Protein backbone atom coordinates (compact mmCIF):
# COMPACT_ATOMS: atom_id res chain seq x y z
CA MET A 1 0.00 0.00 0.00
CA GLY A 2 1.31 3.41 -0.93
CA GLY A 3 3.08 2.30 -4.10
CA SER A 4 6.57 1.69 -2.68
CA ALA A 5 6.92 -2.08 -2.38
CA PHE A 6 9.48 -2.52 -5.19
CA ASP A 7 12.94 -1.02 -4.85
CA ASN A 8 14.36 -2.26 -8.15
CA ILE A 9 11.39 -1.50 -10.40
CA GLU A 10 10.34 1.93 -11.57
CA ILE A 11 6.71 2.20 -10.53
CA SER A 12 4.64 4.90 -12.21
CA ARG A 13 1.76 6.76 -10.65
CA LEU A 14 -1.64 6.13 -12.16
CA ASN A 15 -3.64 8.98 -13.62
CA ILE A 16 -7.38 8.90 -12.97
CA ASN A 17 -8.31 7.24 -16.26
CA THR A 18 -5.62 4.54 -16.01
CA TYR A 19 -6.45 3.94 -12.34
CA THR A 20 -10.15 3.45 -13.09
CA CYS A 21 -9.60 1.27 -16.16
CA LEU A 22 -7.00 -1.06 -14.61
CA LYS A 23 -8.89 -1.32 -11.31
CA ASN A 24 -12.12 -2.31 -13.09
CA LYS A 25 -10.32 -4.88 -15.26
CA ILE A 26 -8.69 -6.52 -12.22
CA ILE A 27 -11.95 -6.68 -10.29
CA SER A 28 -13.71 -8.11 -13.33
CA VAL A 29 -11.10 -10.88 -13.68
CA LEU A 30 -11.41 -11.84 -10.02
CA GLN A 31 -15.21 -11.72 -9.93
CA ASN A 32 -15.42 -13.81 -13.11
CA ASN A 33 -13.43 -16.46 -11.23
CA GLY A 34 -15.88 -16.44 -8.32
CA ILE A 35 -13.80 -14.28 -5.97
CA ILE A 36 -15.53 -11.72 -3.76
CA CYS A 37 -13.58 -8.51 -4.04
CA THR A 38 -13.79 -4.74 -3.87
CA HIS A 39 -11.45 -1.79 -3.99
CA VAL A 40 -10.32 0.65 -1.33
CA ILE A 41 -11.96 4.04 -1.91
CA GLU A 42 -9.29 6.65 -2.52
CA ALA A 43 -9.32 10.07 -0.90
CA PRO A 44 -10.88 12.75 -3.13
CA GLU A 45 -9.09 15.59 -4.87
CA LYS A 46 -6.29 13.41 -6.20
CA ASP A 47 -5.07 13.69 -9.78
CA SER A 48 -2.93 10.53 -9.56
CA TYR A 49 -2.50 7.44 -7.39
CA GLY A 50 0.50 5.53 -6.08
CA ASP A 51 -1.17 2.13 -6.39
CA ILE A 52 -4.46 0.25 -6.53
CA ASP A 53 -5.67 -1.54 -3.39
CA ILE A 54 -7.93 -4.55 -3.87
CA ILE A 55 -9.58 -6.35 -0.94
CA TYR A 56 -10.61 -9.94 -1.59
CA ILE A 57 -12.00 -13.05 0.09
CA SER A 58 -10.54 -16.31 -1.12
CA GLY A 59 -8.74 -19.44 -0.07
CA THR A 60 -7.25 -19.55 -3.57
CA TYR A 61 -3.89 -18.21 -4.68
CA ILE A 62 -5.40 -15.30 -6.63
CA LEU A 63 -2.16 -14.28 -8.37
CA ASN A 64 -2.67 -17.21 -10.73
CA PHE A 65 -5.76 -15.45 -12.09
CA ILE A 66 -3.92 -12.13 -12.36
CA LYS A 67 -0.94 -13.71 -14.13
CA SER A 68 -3.24 -15.29 -16.70
CA GLU A 69 -4.63 -11.89 -17.72
CA PHE A 70 -1.88 -9.35 -17.00
CA ASN A 71 1.85 -8.93 -17.56
CA ILE A 72 3.32 -9.45 -14.07
CA ILE A 73 6.84 -8.04 -13.65
CA ASP A 74 7.33 -9.02 -10.01
CA SER A 75 5.40 -9.80 -6.84
CA ILE A 76 5.99 -9.69 -3.10
CA SER A 77 3.69 -11.53 -0.69
CA ASN A 78 3.17 -12.02 3.02
CA SER A 79 0.31 -13.62 4.91
CA VAL A 80 -2.06 -10.69 4.27
CA ILE A 81 -0.87 -8.52 1.37
CA SER A 82 0.41 -9.47 -2.07
CA SER A 83 2.00 -6.55 -3.93
CA VAL A 84 2.21 -6.98 -7.68
CA ALA A 85 4.04 -4.93 -10.31
CA ILE A 86 1.92 -5.00 -13.45
CA ASN A 87 3.10 -3.72 -16.82
CA TYR A 88 0.07 -2.05 -18.34
CA GLU A 89 0.13 0.18 -21.42
CA ASN A 90 3.95 0.32 -21.31
CA ASN A 91 4.17 1.45 -17.67
CA ASN A 92 4.70 -0.46 -14.44
CA TYR A 93 2.03 -0.01 -11.80
CA GLN A 94 1.68 -1.43 -8.29
CA VAL A 95 -1.43 -3.29 -7.23
CA ASP A 96 -1.86 -4.50 -3.66
CA PHE A 97 -4.16 -7.46 -2.99
CA ILE A 98 -5.32 -7.47 0.64
CA LYS A 99 -6.63 -10.79 1.89
CA SER A 100 -9.75 -10.57 4.01
CA SER A 101 -12.50 -12.76 5.46
CA LEU A 102 -16.28 -12.67 5.44
CA GLU A 103 -16.27 -11.27 8.98
CA GLU A 104 -13.70 -8.55 8.31
CA TYR A 105 -14.40 -7.71 4.66
CA GLU A 106 -16.48 -4.58 5.37
CA ILE A 107 -14.28 -3.26 8.18
CA HIS A 108 -11.15 -3.70 6.05
CA LYS A 109 -12.71 -1.56 3.34
CA PHE A 110 -13.99 1.00 5.86
CA TYR A 111 -10.70 1.41 7.68
CA LEU A 112 -8.51 1.55 4.57
CA SER A 113 -10.73 3.84 2.50
CA TYR A 114 -10.39 7.60 2.18
CA GLY A 115 -6.69 7.78 2.89
CA ASP A 116 -5.83 8.40 6.53
CA MET A 117 -9.43 8.56 7.74
CA GLY A 118 -9.09 5.33 9.74
CA ASN A 119 -5.75 6.42 11.16
CA ILE A 120 -7.18 9.70 12.38
CA ILE A 121 -10.18 8.01 14.01
CA GLY A 122 -7.80 5.54 15.66
CA ARG A 123 -5.79 8.42 17.12
CA MET A 124 -8.94 9.72 18.81
CA THR A 125 -10.22 6.40 20.16
CA ASN A 126 -6.77 5.43 21.44
CA ALA A 127 -6.72 8.46 23.74
CA ASN A 128 -9.86 7.04 25.36
CA GLY A 129 -8.58 3.53 26.05
CA ILE A 130 -10.15 2.08 22.88
CA LYS A 131 -8.32 0.90 19.77
CA PHE A 132 -9.46 1.21 16.18
CA GLY A 133 -7.59 -0.52 13.38
CA ILE A 134 -7.95 -2.60 10.26
CA ASN A 135 -9.57 -5.41 12.29
CA GLY A 136 -12.18 -3.17 13.89
CA LEU A 137 -12.81 -1.70 17.30
CA TYR A 138 -11.28 -3.36 20.35
CA LEU A 139 -9.68 -2.58 23.67
CA TYR A 140 -7.07 -3.83 26.07
CA TYR A 141 -8.89 -4.02 29.36
CA TYR A 142 -7.38 -1.90 32.11
CA PRO A 143 -9.13 -2.87 35.37
CA ASN A 144 -7.65 0.06 37.27
CA GLY A 145 -7.49 2.50 34.40
CA ASP A 146 -3.70 2.17 34.26
CA THR A 147 -2.93 2.08 30.53
CA SER A 148 0.61 0.83 31.19
CA ILE A 149 -0.75 -2.52 32.43
CA ALA A 150 -3.02 -4.26 29.92
CA THR A 151 -4.63 -7.53 30.90
CA PHE A 152 -6.43 -8.95 27.86
CA LYS A 153 -7.74 -7.93 24.46
CA LEU A 154 -11.50 -7.59 24.08
CA HIS A 155 -12.96 -7.31 20.56
CA LEU A 156 -15.91 -4.93 20.34
CA SER A 157 -17.04 -4.88 16.71
CA THR A 158 -16.06 -5.35 13.07
CA ASN A 159 -19.32 -3.78 11.87
CA PRO A 160 -18.71 -0.30 10.36
CA PHE A 161 -22.32 0.79 10.99
CA GLU A 162 -22.16 -0.17 14.67
CA ILE A 163 -18.77 1.48 15.08
CA CYS A 164 -19.91 4.71 13.44
CA ASP A 165 -23.06 4.75 15.56
CA PHE A 166 -21.01 4.34 18.74
CA LEU A 167 -18.61 7.10 17.68
CA ASN A 168 -21.46 9.46 16.71
CA LEU A 169 -20.38 9.37 13.06
CA ASN A 170 -23.00 9.38 10.30
CA TYR A 171 -22.58 6.08 8.48
CA ASP A 172 -25.00 7.02 5.70
CA GLN A 173 -22.84 10.04 4.94
CA TYR A 174 -19.82 7.77 4.65
CA VAL A 175 -21.69 5.41 2.32
CA ASN A 176 -22.82 8.31 0.11
CA GLY A 177 -19.19 9.35 -0.26
CA PHE A 178 -17.13 12.50 0.14
CA GLU A 179 -16.35 14.91 -2.67
CA THR A 180 -13.59 16.86 -0.93
CA LEU A 181 -11.07 16.38 1.87
CA ASN A 182 -12.90 19.03 3.88
CA ASP A 183 -16.06 16.92 3.62
CA ILE A 184 -14.14 14.06 5.26
CA PHE A 185 -12.62 16.34 7.90
CA ASN A 186 -15.98 17.87 8.80
CA TRP A 187 -17.35 14.33 9.16
CA ILE A 188 -14.44 13.18 11.35
CA ILE A 189 -14.70 16.05 13.84
CA LYS A 190 -18.26 14.96 14.67
CA CYS A 191 -16.71 11.94 16.40
CA LYS A 192 -17.55 11.79 20.10
CA TYR A 193 -13.84 11.50 20.92
CA PHE A 194 -12.62 14.39 18.79
CA ASN A 195 -10.33 16.71 20.72
CA LYS A 196 -8.22 19.26 18.92
CA LYS A 197 -5.52 18.92 21.57
CA LEU A 198 -4.82 15.35 20.52
CA PHE A 199 -3.28 16.70 17.33
CA ASN A 200 -1.16 19.45 18.88
CA ASN A 201 2.49 18.89 18.05
CA ASP A 202 3.42 18.64 21.75
CA ASN A 203 0.97 15.74 22.17
CA LEU A 204 2.18 13.72 19.18
CA ASN A 205 4.69 10.93 19.65
CA THR A 206 7.50 10.22 17.20
CA LYS A 207 5.32 7.87 15.13
CA TYR A 208 2.64 10.47 14.53
CA LYS A 209 5.12 13.27 13.88
CA HIS A 210 6.66 11.07 11.18
CA ARG A 211 3.19 10.32 9.82
CA ILE A 212 2.48 14.03 9.43
CA GLN A 213 5.67 14.43 7.44
CA THR A 214 4.97 11.47 5.14
CA ARG A 215 1.16 11.44 4.89
CA LYS A 216 -0.26 14.52 3.17
CA MET A 217 -3.84 13.87 4.24
CA PHE A 218 -2.88 13.62 7.90
CA ASN A 219 -1.04 16.92 7.57
CA HIS A 220 -3.99 18.52 5.77
CA PHE A 221 -6.31 17.41 8.58
CA ILE A 222 -4.17 19.15 11.20
CA GLU A 223 -4.06 22.26 9.05
CA PHE A 224 -7.85 22.07 8.73
CA ILE A 225 -8.61 21.86 12.45
CA ASN A 226 -6.16 24.70 13.12
CA THR A 227 -8.09 27.00 10.81
CA ILE A 228 -11.56 26.53 12.30
CA GLN A 229 -12.95 27.54 15.65
CA ILE A 230 -13.25 24.45 17.82
CA ASN A 231 -13.31 24.46 21.60
CA GLU A 232 -10.45 22.42 22.99
CA ILE A 233 -11.27 19.83 25.64
CA ASN A 234 -9.06 19.84 28.71
CA GLU A 235 -7.39 16.64 29.87
CA PRO A 236 -9.56 14.92 32.53
CA LYS A 237 -8.24 15.44 36.04
CA ASP A 238 -8.55 11.75 36.86
CA LYS A 239 -7.31 10.02 33.70
CA LYS A 240 -7.59 6.51 35.15
CA THR A 241 -11.25 6.92 36.09
CA TYR A 242 -11.93 8.47 32.71
CA ILE A 243 -10.41 5.45 30.91
CA ILE A 244 -12.39 3.03 33.08
CA ASP A 245 -15.63 4.86 32.30
CA ALA A 246 -14.87 5.11 28.55
CA GLN A 247 -14.07 1.41 28.31
CA LEU A 248 -17.13 0.40 30.32
CA GLU A 249 -19.36 2.54 28.09
CA ALA A 250 -18.00 0.79 24.99
CA ILE A 251 -18.30 -2.68 26.56
CA GLN A 252 -21.92 -2.03 27.49
CA TYR A 253 -22.79 -0.53 24.10
CA PHE A 254 -21.50 -3.58 22.24
CA ASN A 255 -23.05 -6.02 24.75
CA LYS A 256 -19.72 -7.52 25.81
CA ILE A 257 -20.33 -7.58 29.58
CA ASP A 258 -20.67 -11.39 29.75
CA ILE A 259 -17.50 -11.86 27.70
CA LEU A 260 -15.72 -9.33 29.92
CA ASN A 261 -16.75 -11.16 33.08
CA ASN A 262 -15.59 -14.49 31.64
CA GLU A 263 -12.22 -12.99 30.72
CA ILE A 264 -11.85 -11.45 34.19
CA GLU A 265 -12.63 -14.84 35.78
CA LEU A 266 -10.02 -16.53 33.59
CA LEU A 267 -7.49 -13.83 34.44
CA GLN A 268 -8.14 -14.24 38.16
CA LYS A 269 -7.61 -17.99 37.88
CA LYS A 270 -4.35 -17.46 35.98
CA ASN A 271 -3.14 -15.08 38.67
CA ILE A 272 -4.00 -17.57 41.42
CA ILE A 273 -2.17 -20.36 39.60
CA LYS A 274 0.84 -18.13 38.93
CA SER A 275 1.05 -17.06 42.57
CA LYS A 276 0.88 -20.65 43.88
CA PHE A 277 2.93 -22.44 41.26
CA ASN A 278 5.76 -20.91 39.23
CA GLY A 279 9.36 -21.44 38.15
CA LYS A 280 10.76 -19.84 41.29
CA LEU A 281 9.71 -22.89 43.30
CA PHE A 282 12.11 -24.99 41.21
CA ILE A 283 14.92 -22.40 41.32
CA ASP A 284 14.64 -22.28 45.12
CA ARG A 285 15.15 -26.06 45.14
CA GLY A 286 18.33 -25.88 43.10
CA ILE A 287 16.93 -27.05 39.76
CA ASN A 288 18.99 -26.00 36.75
CA PRO A 289 17.01 -23.20 35.02
CA ARG A 290 17.44 -24.94 31.67
CA LEU A 291 15.66 -28.02 33.07
CA ILE A 292 12.76 -26.24 34.75
CA ASN A 293 10.31 -26.57 31.84
CA ASN A 294 10.97 -30.30 31.71
CA TYR A 295 10.44 -30.60 35.49
CA ILE A 296 7.20 -28.62 35.30
CA GLU A 297 5.86 -30.82 32.52
CA GLN A 298 6.69 -34.04 34.41
CA PHE A 299 5.25 -32.67 37.66
CA GLN A 300 2.01 -31.74 35.89
CA ILE A 301 1.71 -35.26 34.46
CA SER A 302 2.31 -36.84 37.87
CA ILE A 303 -0.40 -34.67 39.50
CA LYS A 304 -2.93 -35.44 36.74
CA ASN A 305 -2.30 -39.17 37.12
CA LYS A 306 -2.43 -39.12 40.91
CA TYR A 307 -5.54 -36.98 41.38
CA ASN A 308 -7.31 -37.60 38.05
CA LYS A 309 -8.06 -33.93 37.47
CA PRO A 310 -6.68 -31.08 35.32
CA PHE A 311 -3.51 -29.59 36.77
CA ASP A 312 -4.92 -26.03 36.87
CA ILE A 313 -7.92 -27.22 38.91
CA TYR A 314 -5.59 -29.00 41.30
CA ILE A 315 -3.55 -25.83 41.87
CA ILE A 316 -6.65 -23.68 42.45
CA GLU A 317 -8.23 -26.16 44.89
CA THR A 318 -5.07 -27.12 46.80
CA SER A 319 -3.33 -25.17 49.55
CA GLN A 320 0.13 -23.75 48.94
CA ASP A 321 1.61 -25.97 51.67
CA LYS A 322 0.16 -29.11 50.07
CA ILE A 323 1.46 -28.12 46.62
CA ILE A 324 4.96 -27.55 48.01
CA SER A 325 4.83 -30.89 49.84
CA GLU A 326 3.89 -32.66 46.60
CA LEU A 327 6.62 -30.81 44.74
CA ASN A 328 9.28 -31.72 47.34
CA ASN A 329 8.32 -35.39 47.12
CA PHE A 330 8.40 -35.27 43.32
CA ILE A 331 11.87 -33.70 43.22
CA SER A 332 13.29 -36.03 45.87
CA ASN A 333 12.14 -39.06 43.87
CA LYS A 334 13.69 -37.86 40.60
């Protein structure tokens, strides 16, 4: 994505006509072979494009279909994206094929469309303890509001309509499309988490400062919000409580309370097990650190055979003194 995957091939930018023609031909080839696919919607007001981004659902190696219809110069693939250099009308162009799934097809298109729109929304949600990325809306649960200590990842939604509704963004307006960058920017600032201060230079980390330098749309957005009158929102006095409340609001909105409670219960059990049985018990008994994993595995097997129950259940139900006694006997008999 971005048209810079090939170092040794001169990749040309696509003018609007070439972009539209090549994009439609590629989609036609894939759809004629039974592959569900779409294209990422480019940001408006462009007169040329660095590449074409195609999102597809398939368990098939789709490059075989592309090679049968187009002149492929080179290709680079990973588990998600296949970048292809296609020679078309005597120029080399980059096309990125982004593998998706039925569940994530719509959110992939939503997040990747309109340039840095998804990135900007993610910047706003992140400041409120909620993540937004190519796989949808999710959070790392912070039970005490301390964002330096995450416990587990909780997925909220991959549905663009639900996500927009939660963020107070007009989904119908997104579907109808944007004619200008300012149309997109005016839409984005309706987000419930929009705060002009988030985009002040002093509040941007190195990653975002670099993004401003390399991503024109991100830079244009900051210029836009600096030219209009918007009341800045002060940082909450109690940031931890604010994060707790923001996360709880999202969890309730997306009906994830039961899943949250299950995850908390699992986490509590893990913490109990870790506190009662861990590698330090073996180190304290002079076991070579390189052999500890082997000792743990054999001890677990011996407990399962002796008590006929899962090892984790044994640890939770058994007192620390009894566990240590069993461990001492196990080590002495080795």
